[in-house]
C-alpha atoms as a PDB file:
ATOM      1  CA  MET A   1      11.134  -2.722 -21.246  1.00  0.00           C
ATOM      2  CA  PHE A   2       7.857  -2.447 -19.345  1.00  0.00           C
ATOM      3  CA  ARG A   3       6.542  -5.929 -18.796  1.00  0.00           C
ATOM      4  CA  MET A   4       4.409  -7.793 -16.300  1.00  0.00           C
ATOM      5  CA  PRO A   5       5.268 -11.440 -16.976  1.00  0.00           C
ATOM      6  CA  THR A   6       2.107 -13.502 -17.169  1.00  0.00           C
ATOM      7  CA  LEU A   7       3.704 -16.559 -15.558  1.00  0.00           C
ATOM      8  CA  PHE A   8       4.927 -14.429 -12.660  1.00  0.00           C
ATOM      9  CA  PHE A   9       1.453 -13.211 -11.803  1.00  0.00           C
ATOM     10  CA  ARG A  10      -0.024 -16.707 -12.096  1.00  0.00           C
ATOM     11  CA  VAL A  11       2.575 -18.081  -9.668  1.00  0.00           C
ATOM     12  CA  LEU A  12       2.815 -15.064  -7.366  1.00  0.00           C
ATOM     13  CA  PRO A  13      -0.347 -15.459  -5.271  1.00  0.00           C
ATOM     14  CA  ALA A  14       0.356 -19.092  -4.302  1.00  0.00           C
ATOM     15  CA  VAL A  15       4.031 -18.483  -3.547  1.00  0.00           C
ATOM     16  CA  LEU A  16       3.331 -15.303  -1.644  1.00  0.00           C
ATOM     17  CA  VAL A  17       0.565 -16.905   0.406  1.00  0.00           C
ATOM     18  CA  LEU A  18       2.853 -19.798   1.415  1.00  0.00           C
ATOM     19  CA  ALA A  19       5.686 -17.472   2.389  1.00  0.00           C
ATOM     20  CA  LEU A  20       3.417 -15.154   4.346  1.00  0.00           C
ATOM     21  CA  LEU A  21       1.693 -18.038   6.130  1.00  0.00           C
ATOM     22  CA  LEU A  22       5.108 -19.143   7.363  1.00  0.00           C
ATOM     23  CA  ALA A  23       5.824 -15.612   8.520  1.00  0.00           C
ATOM     24  CA  VAL A  24       2.462 -15.404  10.304  1.00  0.00           C
ATOM     25  CA  ALA A  25       3.080 -18.756  12.025  1.00  0.00           C
ATOM     26  CA  THR A  26       6.464 -17.564  13.258  1.00  0.00           C
ATOM     27  CA  GLU A  27       4.876 -14.323  14.441  1.00  0.00           C
ATOM     28  CA  TYR A  28       3.111 -16.115  17.283  1.00  0.00           C
ATOM     29  CA  ALA A  29       6.442 -17.349  18.672  1.00  0.00           C
ATOM     30  CA  THR A  30       7.764 -13.798  19.141  1.00  0.00           C
ATOM     31  CA  ALA A  31       7.076 -11.038  21.640  1.00  0.00           C
ATOM     32  CA  ARG A  32       4.308  -8.755  20.426  1.00  0.00           C
ATOM     33  CA  PRO A  33       4.230  -5.482  22.364  1.00  0.00           C
ATOM     34  CA  SER A  34       1.086  -4.384  20.555  1.00  0.00           C
ATOM     35  CA  ARG A  35      -2.647  -4.816  20.739  1.00  0.00           C
ATOM     36  CA  ARG A  36      -4.739  -5.703  17.737  1.00  0.00           C
ATOM     37  CA  THR A  37      -8.342  -4.717  17.216  1.00  0.00           C
ATOM     38  CA  GLN A  38      -9.568  -7.000  14.457  1.00  0.00           C
ATOM     39  CA  ASP A  39     -12.163  -6.964  11.679  1.00  0.00           C
ATOM     40  CA  LEU A  40     -13.509  -3.452  12.098  1.00  0.00           C
ATOM     41  CA  ALA A  41     -15.961  -2.482   9.349  1.00  0.00           C
ATOM     42  CA  TYR A  42     -14.997   0.727   7.564  1.00  0.00           C
ATOM     43  CA  VAL A  43     -18.106   0.736   5.352  1.00  0.00           C
ATOM     44  CA  PRO A  44     -21.530   0.600   7.039  1.00  0.00           C
ATOM     45  CA  ALA A  45     -23.534  -2.585   6.516  1.00  0.00           C
ATOM     46  CA  THR A  46     -26.372  -0.468   5.159  1.00  0.00           C
ATOM     47  CA  ASP A  47     -24.245   0.707   2.225  1.00  0.00           C
ATOM     48  CA  SER A  48     -25.260  -0.827  -1.125  1.00  0.00           C
ATOM     49  CA  ALA A  49     -21.608  -1.663  -1.870  1.00  0.00           C
ATOM     50  CA  TYR A  50     -20.935  -3.288   1.516  1.00  0.00           C
ATOM     51  CA  HIS A  51     -18.953  -6.537   1.508  1.00  0.00           C
ATOM     52  CA  ASP A  52     -18.797  -8.318   4.853  1.00  0.00           C
ATOM     53  CA  GLN A  53     -15.213  -9.581   4.457  1.00  0.00           C
ATOM     54  CA  ARG A  54     -13.524  -7.090   2.146  1.00  0.00           C
ATOM     55  CA  HIS A  55     -14.666  -3.919   3.924  1.00  0.00           C
ATOM     56  CA  ARG A  56     -12.763  -4.777   7.094  1.00  0.00           C
ATOM     57  CA  LEU A  57      -9.531  -3.581   8.681  1.00  0.00           C
ATOM     58  CA  ASP A  58      -7.310  -4.351  11.673  1.00  0.00           C
ATOM     59  CA  VAL A  59      -5.697  -1.750  13.931  1.00  0.00           C
ATOM     60  CA  TYR A  60      -2.368  -2.458  15.651  1.00  0.00           C
ATOM     61  CA  ALA A  61      -1.517  -0.030  18.454  1.00  0.00           C
ATOM     62  CA  PRO A  62       1.520   0.024  20.754  1.00  0.00           C
ATOM     63  CA  LYS A  63       0.752  -1.283  24.242  1.00  0.00           C
ATOM     64  CA  ALA A  64       2.969   1.338  25.835  1.00  0.00           C
ATOM     65  CA  SER A  65       1.129   4.516  26.716  1.00  0.00           C
ATOM     66  CA  SER A  66       2.112   7.796  25.111  1.00  0.00           C
ATOM     67  CA  PRO A  67       1.306  11.375  26.173  1.00  0.00           C
ATOM     68  CA  ALA A  68       1.010  12.325  22.500  1.00  0.00           C
ATOM     69  CA  LEU A  69      -0.927  10.818  19.612  1.00  0.00           C
ATOM     70  CA  ARG A  70       1.188   8.592  17.377  1.00  0.00           C
ATOM     71  CA  PRO A  71       1.714   8.638  13.605  1.00  0.00           C
ATOM     72  CA  VAL A  72      -0.469   6.264  11.593  1.00  0.00           C
ATOM     73  CA  VAL A  73       0.420   4.020   8.645  1.00  0.00           C
ATOM     74  CA  VAL A  74      -2.373   2.477   6.562  1.00  0.00           C
ATOM     75  CA  PHE A  75      -1.003  -0.617   4.780  1.00  0.00           C
ATOM     76  CA  ILE A  76      -2.571  -1.831   1.498  1.00  0.00           C
ATOM     77  CA  HIS A  77      -1.757  -5.412   0.491  1.00  0.00           C
ATOM     78  CA  GLY A  78      -0.826  -6.560  -3.005  1.00  0.00           C
ATOM     79  CA  GLY A  79      -1.913  -9.605  -4.996  1.00  0.00           C
ATOM     80  CA  ASN A  80      -2.288  -8.690  -8.682  1.00  0.00           C
ATOM     81  CA  TRP A  81      -5.565  -6.828  -7.978  1.00  0.00           C
ATOM     82  CA  ASN A  82      -7.402 -10.181  -7.643  1.00  0.00           C
ATOM     83  CA  SER A  83      -6.062 -11.794  -4.458  1.00  0.00           C
ATOM     84  CA  GLY A  84      -4.612 -11.066  -1.032  1.00  0.00           C
ATOM     85  CA  SER A  85      -5.843 -10.485   2.513  1.00  0.00           C
ATOM     86  CA  LYS A  86      -5.014  -8.311   5.492  1.00  0.00           C
ATOM     87  CA  ASN A  87      -4.811 -11.509   7.556  1.00  0.00           C
ATOM     88  CA  LEU A  88      -1.460 -12.371   5.965  1.00  0.00           C
ATOM     89  CA  TYR A  89       0.185  -9.142   7.081  1.00  0.00           C
ATOM     90  CA  SER A  90      -0.133  -9.156  10.854  1.00  0.00           C
ATOM     91  CA  PHE A  91       3.667  -9.125  11.046  1.00  0.00           C
ATOM     92  CA  ILE A  92       3.715  -5.662   9.447  1.00  0.00           C
ATOM     93  CA  GLY A  93       1.118  -4.342  11.872  1.00  0.00           C
ATOM     94  CA  ARG A  94       3.009  -5.703  14.847  1.00  0.00           C
ATOM     95  CA  ARG A  95       6.421  -4.496  13.656  1.00  0.00           C
ATOM     96  CA  LEU A  96       5.098  -0.990  13.108  1.00  0.00           C
ATOM     97  CA  ALA A  97       3.327  -0.924  16.472  1.00  0.00           C
ATOM     98  CA  LYS A  98       6.457  -2.175  18.234  1.00  0.00           C
ATOM     99  CA  GLN A  99       8.272   0.873  16.902  1.00  0.00           C
ATOM    100  CA  GLY A 100       5.681   3.416  17.982  1.00  0.00           C
ATOM    101  CA  VAL A 101       3.387   3.609  14.946  1.00  0.00           C
ATOM    102  CA  VAL A 102      -0.349   2.905  14.928  1.00  0.00           C
ATOM    103  CA  ALA A 103      -0.816   0.558  11.955  1.00  0.00           C
ATOM    104  CA  VAL A 104      -4.029  -0.040  10.021  1.00  0.00           C
ATOM    105  CA  ILE A 105      -4.023  -3.104   7.751  1.00  0.00           C
ATOM    106  CA  ILE A 106      -6.945  -3.155   5.334  1.00  0.00           C
ATOM    107  CA  ASN A 107      -8.897  -5.407   3.026  1.00  0.00           C
ATOM    108  CA  TYR A 108     -10.563  -4.063  -0.114  1.00  0.00           C
ATOM    109  CA  ARG A 109     -12.703  -5.603  -2.834  1.00  0.00           C
ATOM    110  CA  LEU A 110     -10.887  -7.440  -5.629  1.00  0.00           C
ATOM    111  CA  ALA A 111     -11.344  -8.393  -9.276  1.00  0.00           C
ATOM    112  CA  PRO A 112     -13.449  -9.801 -10.812  1.00  0.00           C
ATOM    113  CA  LEU A 113     -16.025  -8.538  -8.309  1.00  0.00           C
ATOM    114  CA  VAL A 114     -14.914  -4.945  -8.938  1.00  0.00           C
ATOM    115  CA  GLN A 115     -12.326  -3.037 -10.958  1.00  0.00           C
ATOM    116  CA  VAL A 116      -9.482  -0.800  -9.838  1.00  0.00           C
ATOM    117  CA  PRO A 117     -11.570   2.412  -9.494  1.00  0.00           C
ATOM    118  CA  GLN A 118     -13.758   0.657  -6.910  1.00  0.00           C
ATOM    119  CA  MET A 119     -10.652  -0.748  -5.182  1.00  0.00           C
ATOM    120  CA  ALA A 120      -9.249   2.783  -4.944  1.00  0.00           C
ATOM    121  CA  ASP A 121     -12.564   4.000  -3.545  1.00  0.00           C
ATOM    122  CA  ASP A 122     -12.501   1.246  -0.910  1.00  0.00           C
ATOM    123  CA  CYS A 123      -8.985   2.271   0.129  1.00  0.00           C
ATOM    124  CA  THR A 124     -10.109   5.906   0.243  1.00  0.00           C
ATOM    125  CA  ARG A 125     -12.985   4.982   2.539  1.00  0.00           C
ATOM    126  CA  ALA A 126     -10.588   3.040   4.788  1.00  0.00           C
ATOM    127  CA  VAL A 127      -8.394   6.143   5.111  1.00  0.00           C
ATOM    128  CA  ILE A 128     -11.447   8.297   5.849  1.00  0.00           C
ATOM    129  CA  TRP A 129     -12.536   5.819   8.547  1.00  0.00           C
ATOM    130  CA  THR A 130      -9.019   6.024   9.966  1.00  0.00           C
ATOM    131  CA  ALA A 131      -9.075   9.823  10.051  1.00  0.00           C
ATOM    132  CA  ASN A 132     -12.424   9.747  11.873  1.00  0.00           C
ATOM    133  CA  ASN A 133     -11.658   6.976  14.366  1.00  0.00           C
ATOM    134  CA  ILE A 134      -7.940   6.523  14.938  1.00  0.00           C
ATOM    135  CA  THR A 135      -7.713   8.729  18.044  1.00  0.00           C
ATOM    136  CA  LYS A 136      -9.525   5.924  19.912  1.00  0.00           C
ATOM    137  CA  TYR A 137      -6.413   3.802  19.306  1.00  0.00           C
ATOM    138  CA  GLY A 138      -3.843   6.496  20.087  1.00  0.00           C
ATOM    139  CA  GLY A 139      -3.272   7.563  16.478  1.00  0.00           C
ATOM    140  CA  ASP A 140      -2.977  11.097  15.147  1.00  0.00           C
ATOM    141  CA  PRO A 141      -5.532  11.826  12.376  1.00  0.00           C
ATOM    142  CA  ASN A 142      -3.274  14.652  11.188  1.00  0.00           C
ATOM    143  CA  ARG A 143      -0.375  12.252  10.560  1.00  0.00           C
ATOM    144  CA  ILE A 144      -1.794   9.532   8.320  1.00  0.00           C
ATOM    145  CA  PHE A 145       0.551   7.877   5.833  1.00  0.00           C
ATOM    146  CA  VAL A 146      -0.259   5.165   3.298  1.00  0.00           C
ATOM    147  CA  MET A 147       1.947   2.200   2.433  1.00  0.00           C
ATOM    148  CA  GLY A 148       1.594  -0.683   0.006  1.00  0.00           C
ATOM    149  CA  HIS A 149       3.394  -3.499  -1.752  1.00  0.00           C
ATOM    150  CA  SER A 150       2.913  -4.442  -5.424  1.00  0.00           C
ATOM    151  CA  ALA A 151      -0.686  -3.646  -6.486  1.00  0.00           C
ATOM    152  CA  GLY A 152      -1.145  -2.148  -3.020  1.00  0.00           C
ATOM    153  CA  GLY A 153       1.768   0.174  -3.715  1.00  0.00           C
ATOM    154  CA  GLY A 154       0.044   1.439  -6.842  1.00  0.00           C
ATOM    155  CA  LEU A 155      -3.142   2.050  -4.880  1.00  0.00           C
ATOM    156  CA  ALA A 156      -1.243   3.817  -2.090  1.00  0.00           C
ATOM    157  CA  ALA A 157       0.413   6.090  -4.652  1.00  0.00           C
ATOM    158  CA  LEU A 158      -2.969   6.885  -6.191  1.00  0.00           C
ATOM    159  CA  LEU A 159      -4.471   7.836  -2.815  1.00  0.00           C
ATOM    160  CA  ALA A 160      -1.592  10.210  -2.139  1.00  0.00           C
ATOM    161  CA  ALA A 161      -1.655  11.720  -5.639  1.00  0.00           C
ATOM    162  CA  ASP A 162      -5.330  12.022  -6.603  1.00  0.00           C
ATOM    163  CA  ASN A 163      -7.200  14.356  -4.261  1.00  0.00           C
ATOM    164  CA  ARG A 164     -10.417  13.757  -6.207  1.00  0.00           C
ATOM    165  CA  LEU A 165     -10.771  10.354  -4.547  1.00  0.00           C
ATOM    166  CA  PHE A 166     -11.430  12.114  -1.238  1.00  0.00           C
ATOM    167  CA  ALA A 167     -13.403  14.991  -2.729  1.00  0.00           C
ATOM    168  CA  ARG A 168     -15.868  12.483  -4.184  1.00  0.00           C
ATOM    169  CA  ARG A 169     -16.432  11.231  -0.639  1.00  0.00           C
ATOM    170  CA  GLY A 170     -17.045  14.722   0.695  1.00  0.00           C
ATOM    171  CA  VAL A 171     -13.571  15.225   2.183  1.00  0.00           C
ATOM    172  CA  ALA A 172     -12.202  18.566   1.034  1.00  0.00           C
ATOM    173  CA  GLN A 173      -8.578  17.966   2.024  1.00  0.00           C
ATOM    174  CA  ASN A 174      -6.661  14.776   1.311  1.00  0.00           C
ATOM    175  CA  PRO A 175      -5.682  13.404   4.755  1.00  0.00           C
ATOM    176  CA  VAL A 176      -2.674  11.462   3.375  1.00  0.00           C
ATOM    177  CA  ARG A 177       0.565  13.104   4.511  1.00  0.00           C
ATOM    178  CA  GLY A 178       2.925  10.814   2.617  1.00  0.00           C
ATOM    179  CA  ALA A 179       3.267   7.423   0.930  1.00  0.00           C
ATOM    180  CA  ILE A 180       5.711   4.542   1.264  1.00  0.00           C
ATOM    181  CA  LEU A 181       5.784   2.388  -1.888  1.00  0.00           C
ATOM    182  CA  ASP A 182       7.338  -1.083  -1.681  1.00  0.00           C
ATOM    183  CA  ASP A 183       8.010  -2.481  -5.169  1.00  0.00           C
ATOM    184  CA  PRO A 184       4.851  -0.777  -6.488  1.00  0.00           C
ATOM    185  CA  ALA A 185       2.919  -2.138  -9.485  1.00  0.00           C
ATOM    186  CA  GLY A 186       0.490  -0.181 -11.645  1.00  0.00           C
ATOM    187  CA  LEU A 187       1.998   3.296 -11.403  1.00  0.00           C
ATOM    188  CA  ASP A 188       1.532   3.690 -15.175  1.00  0.00           C
ATOM    189  CA  MET A 189      -0.963   1.163 -16.499  1.00  0.00           C
ATOM    190  CA  PHE A 190      -1.952   3.665 -19.199  1.00  0.00           C
ATOM    191  CA  ASP A 191       1.383   3.135 -20.930  1.00  0.00           C
ATOM    192  CA  TYR A 192       1.444  -0.603 -20.388  1.00  0.00           C
ATOM    193  CA  LEU A 193      -2.083  -1.402 -21.535  1.00  0.00           C
ATOM    194  CA  GLN A 194      -1.791   0.825 -24.584  1.00  0.00           C
ATOM    195  CA  LYS A 195       1.080  -1.324 -25.818  1.00  0.00           C
ATOM    196  CA  LYS A 196      -0.182  -4.831 -24.933  1.00  0.00           C
ATOM    197  CA  GLN A 197       3.021  -6.265 -26.315  1.00  0.00           C
ATOM    198  CA  TYR A 198       2.985  -9.617 -24.578  1.00  0.00           C
ATOM    199  CA  ALA A 199       0.842 -12.716 -24.545  1.00  0.00           C
ATOM    200  CA  GLY A 200      -1.637 -12.680 -21.694  1.00  0.00           C
ATOM    201  CA  ASP A 201      -1.767  -8.915 -21.296  1.00  0.00           C
ATOM    202  CA  ALA A 202      -5.529  -8.966 -21.850  1.00  0.00           C
ATOM    203  CA  GLN A 203      -5.941 -10.485 -18.365  1.00  0.00           C
ATOM    204  CA  TYR A 204      -5.391  -7.038 -16.854  1.00  0.00           C
ATOM    205  CA  LEU A 205      -8.480  -5.704 -18.583  1.00  0.00           C
ATOM    206  CA  VAL A 206     -10.533  -7.632 -16.005  1.00  0.00           C
ATOM    207  CA  SER A 207      -9.171  -5.292 -13.323  1.00  0.00           C
ATOM    208  CA  PHE A 208      -8.589  -2.140 -15.372  1.00  0.00           C
ATOM    209  CA  GLY A 209     -11.430  -2.180 -17.898  1.00  0.00           C
ATOM    210  CA  GLN A 210     -11.424  -1.636 -21.657  1.00  0.00           C
ATOM    211  CA  LYS A 211     -11.041   2.148 -21.932  1.00  0.00           C
ATOM    212  CA  PRO A 212      -7.647   3.912 -22.131  1.00  0.00           C
ATOM    213  CA  GLU A 213      -8.998   6.943 -20.280  1.00  0.00           C
ATOM    214  CA  GLY A 214      -9.816   4.609 -17.413  1.00  0.00           C
ATOM    215  CA  TRP A 215      -6.270   3.218 -17.350  1.00  0.00           C
ATOM    216  CA  ARG A 216      -4.920   6.747 -17.057  1.00  0.00           C
ATOM    217  CA  GLU A 217      -7.379   7.661 -14.300  1.00  0.00           C
ATOM    218  CA  VAL A 218      -6.012   4.944 -11.999  1.00  0.00           C
ATOM    219  CA  SER A 219      -2.312   5.477 -12.812  1.00  0.00           C
ATOM    220  CA  ALA A 220      -0.717   7.627 -10.117  1.00  0.00           C
ATOM    221  CA  LEU A 221       1.954   8.925 -12.504  1.00  0.00           C
ATOM    222  CA  TYR A 222      -0.604  11.226 -14.127  1.00  0.00           C
ATOM    223  CA  HIS A 223      -1.916  12.748 -10.893  1.00  0.00           C
ATOM    224  CA  VAL A 224       1.174  13.867  -8.996  1.00  0.00           C
ATOM    225  CA  THR A 225       1.612  17.646  -8.840  1.00  0.00           C
ATOM    226  CA  THR A 226       3.796  20.265  -7.183  1.00  0.00           C
ATOM    227  CA  GLN A 227       1.444  19.951  -4.193  1.00  0.00           C
ATOM    228  CA  SER A 228       1.735  16.173  -3.801  1.00  0.00           C
ATOM    229  CA  PRO A 229       2.852  14.853  -0.408  1.00  0.00           C
ATOM    230  CA  PRO A 230       6.297  13.266  -0.030  1.00  0.00           C
ATOM    231  CA  PHE A 231       7.011   9.736  -1.235  1.00  0.00           C
ATOM    232  CA  LEU A 232       9.441   6.997  -0.253  1.00  0.00           C
ATOM    233  CA  VAL A 233       9.921   4.475  -3.067  1.00  0.00           C
ATOM    234  CA  TYR A 234      11.719   1.122  -2.703  1.00  0.00           C
ATOM    235  CA  VAL A 235      12.447  -1.072  -5.723  1.00  0.00           C
ATOM    236  CA  GLY A 236      14.007  -4.519  -5.777  1.00  0.00           C
ATOM    237  CA  GLY A 237      17.234  -4.721  -7.744  1.00  0.00           C
ATOM    238  CA  GLU A 238      16.069  -8.045  -9.186  1.00  0.00           C
ATOM    239  CA  THR A 239      12.367  -7.266  -9.455  1.00  0.00           C
ATOM    240  CA  TYR A 240      10.369  -7.286 -12.682  1.00  0.00           C
ATOM    241  CA  PRO A 241      11.103  -4.829 -15.505  1.00  0.00           C
ATOM    242  CA  SER A 242       7.561  -3.459 -15.321  1.00  0.00           C
ATOM    243  CA  ILE A 243       8.114  -2.303 -11.763  1.00  0.00           C
ATOM    244  CA  GLN A 244      11.636  -1.055 -12.361  1.00  0.00           C
ATOM    245  CA  SER A 245      10.712   1.086 -15.356  1.00  0.00           C
ATOM    246  CA  SER A 246       7.464   2.555 -14.044  1.00  0.00           C
ATOM    247  CA  SER A 247       9.031   3.338 -10.661  1.00  0.00           C
ATOM    248  CA  GLU A 248      11.894   5.141 -12.378  1.00  0.00           C
ATOM    249  CA  ARG A 249       9.477   7.178 -14.501  1.00  0.00           C
ATOM    250  CA  PHE A 250       7.535   8.001 -11.349  1.00  0.00           C
ATOM    251  CA  ARG A 251      10.747   9.219  -9.714  1.00  0.00           C
ATOM    252  CA  GLN A 252      11.580  11.335 -12.750  1.00  0.00           C
ATOM    253  CA  LYS A 253       8.105  12.880 -12.833  1.00  0.00           C
ATOM    254  CA  LEU A 254       8.194  13.816  -9.150  1.00  0.00           C
ATOM    255  CA  THR A 255      11.720  15.199  -9.491  1.00  0.00           C
ATOM    256  CA  ALA A 256      10.677  17.359 -12.451  1.00  0.00           C
ATOM    257  CA  LEU A 257       7.855  18.743 -10.287  1.00  0.00           C
ATOM    258  CA  GLY A 258      10.310  19.678  -7.551  1.00  0.00           C
ATOM    259  CA  ARG A 259       9.028  16.830  -5.339  1.00  0.00           C
ATOM    260  CA  ALA A 260      11.930  14.378  -5.622  1.00  0.00           C
ATOM    261  CA  PRO A 261      11.055  11.255  -3.614  1.00  0.00           C
ATOM    262  CA  GLY A 262      13.210   9.216  -1.362  1.00  0.00           C
ATOM    263  CA  TYR A 263      14.205   6.469  -3.795  1.00  0.00           C
ATOM    264  CA  ARG A 264      16.205   3.362  -3.087  1.00  0.00           C
ATOM    265  CA  VAL A 265      16.979   0.282  -5.158  1.00  0.00           C
ATOM    266  CA  LEU A 266      17.670  -2.700  -2.885  1.00  0.00           C
ATOM    267  CA  PRO A 267      20.311  -4.910  -4.556  1.00  0.00           C
ATOM    268  CA  GLY A 268      19.576  -8.595  -5.030  1.00  0.00           C
ATOM    269  CA  LYS A 269      15.929  -8.448  -3.984  1.00  0.00           C
ATOM    270  CA  ASN A 270      13.109  -9.647  -6.207  1.00  0.00           C
ATOM    271  CA  HIS A 271       9.413  -8.958  -5.767  1.00  0.00           C
ATOM    272  CA  ILE A 272       8.397 -11.311  -2.944  1.00  0.00           C
ATOM    273  CA  PRO A 273      11.382 -10.649  -0.628  1.00  0.00           C
ATOM    274  CA  MET A 274      10.593  -6.946  -0.928  1.00  0.00           C
ATOM    275  CA  VAL A 275       7.559  -7.504   1.307  1.00  0.00           C
ATOM    276  CA  LEU A 276       8.866 -10.431   3.348  1.00  0.00           C
ATOM    277  CA  GLN A 277      11.794  -8.321   4.573  1.00  0.00           C
ATOM    278  CA  LEU A 278       9.251  -6.313   6.551  1.00  0.00           C
ATOM    279  CA  TYR A 279       9.164  -9.194   9.018  1.00  0.00           C
ATOM    280  CA  TRP A 280      12.491  -7.932  10.392  1.00  0.00           C
ATOM    281  CA  GLN A 281      12.152  -4.823  12.508  1.00  0.00           C
ATOM    282  CA  HIS A 282      15.504  -3.262  11.652  1.00  0.00           C
ATOM    283  CA  ASN A 283      15.455  -3.454   7.858  1.00  0.00           C
ATOM    284  CA  ILE A 284      16.128  -0.306   5.841  1.00  0.00           C
ATOM    285  CA  ILE A 285      12.481   0.343   4.970  1.00  0.00           C
ATOM    286  CA  TYR A 286      11.391   0.554   8.609  1.00  0.00           C
ATOM    287  CA  ARG A 287      14.425   2.652   9.584  1.00  0.00           C
ATOM    288  CA  GLU A 288      13.678   5.236   6.916  1.00  0.00           C
ATOM    289  CA  LEU A 289       9.909   4.996   7.405  1.00  0.00           C
ATOM    290  CA  LEU A 290      10.230   5.978  11.067  1.00  0.00           C
ATOM    291  CA  ALA A 291      12.091   9.160  10.191  1.00  0.00           C
ATOM    292  CA  PHE A 292       9.602   9.807   7.372  1.00  0.00           C
ATOM    293  CA  VAL A 293       6.623   9.740   9.769  1.00  0.00           C
ATOM    294  CA  GLY A 294       8.425  11.800  12.396  1.00  0.00           C
ATOM    295  CA  LEU A 295       9.832   9.159  14.762  1.00  0.00           C
ATOM    296  CA  THR A 296      13.447   8.384  15.610  1.00  0.00           C
ATOM    297  CA  PRO A 297      14.367   4.810  14.631  1.00  0.00           C
ATOM    298  CA  ARG A 298      15.956   2.628  17.265  1.00  0.00           C
ATOM    299  CA  PRO A 299      19.557   1.492  16.629  1.00  0.00           C
ATOM    300  CA  ALA A 300      19.868  -1.802  14.741  1.00  0.00           C
ATOM    301  CA  GLY A 301      20.922  -4.796  16.763  1.00  0.00           C
END
């Protein structure tokens, strides 16, 4: 059954914010071998779409010098397409930087101000900014990966799968070299919104619009090809049926194309712990992510 429980998404933002605020508070009591450059604008203020808060990103770079440029991970937060902030995810930036990755944590505009196509365009522009500027922070513009949790996972998948997002911005080649999806939501909103089987489903039309062709356009499942970059997909064993079923269909589609993803179901984890586990440096997602981006993970301990 493919279902996004209405009550879950009403409760999620408040619960997630509380949990992440606790994680952020604890972050300041730990060693942070990284340097953060905060609130960089990735859209010029002269742009008609410019939003002073939502078109901002933070860069986390390792303090240790390196003779070579480092791989880059652009992280896209979740929040049901209508909430969330990069400021809650400093722990991810610092954990990645501690392990030798240059991390870029982004904001993007949210519903009801905009709909998902504009959110995807914002994320695209953040990746383009990264490709053009990340060498200043020790990052390799030829090794950019995207990562996201929940709604951010769906957006990350779309950036990796739909090259047209970059072509529309004048970038001939998609700079995304791979995607790490953490309990991704929205991989197949075309299927879900066609059915509208459950009370409250109409709320998603605020973010996704009224037209079925639009739902398909922003569903990554319909854009992956034999040329798509590699994916790592992590799904909570106790997460919501909507995420379980769409992630499995995504895996099947990629496998049929000869692009089988790394795919792991994490037993006992529901949706919120799937992102909170990223506070701990040696969890399975980081260990496999490091190999995925071309680094050797440090031994656990």
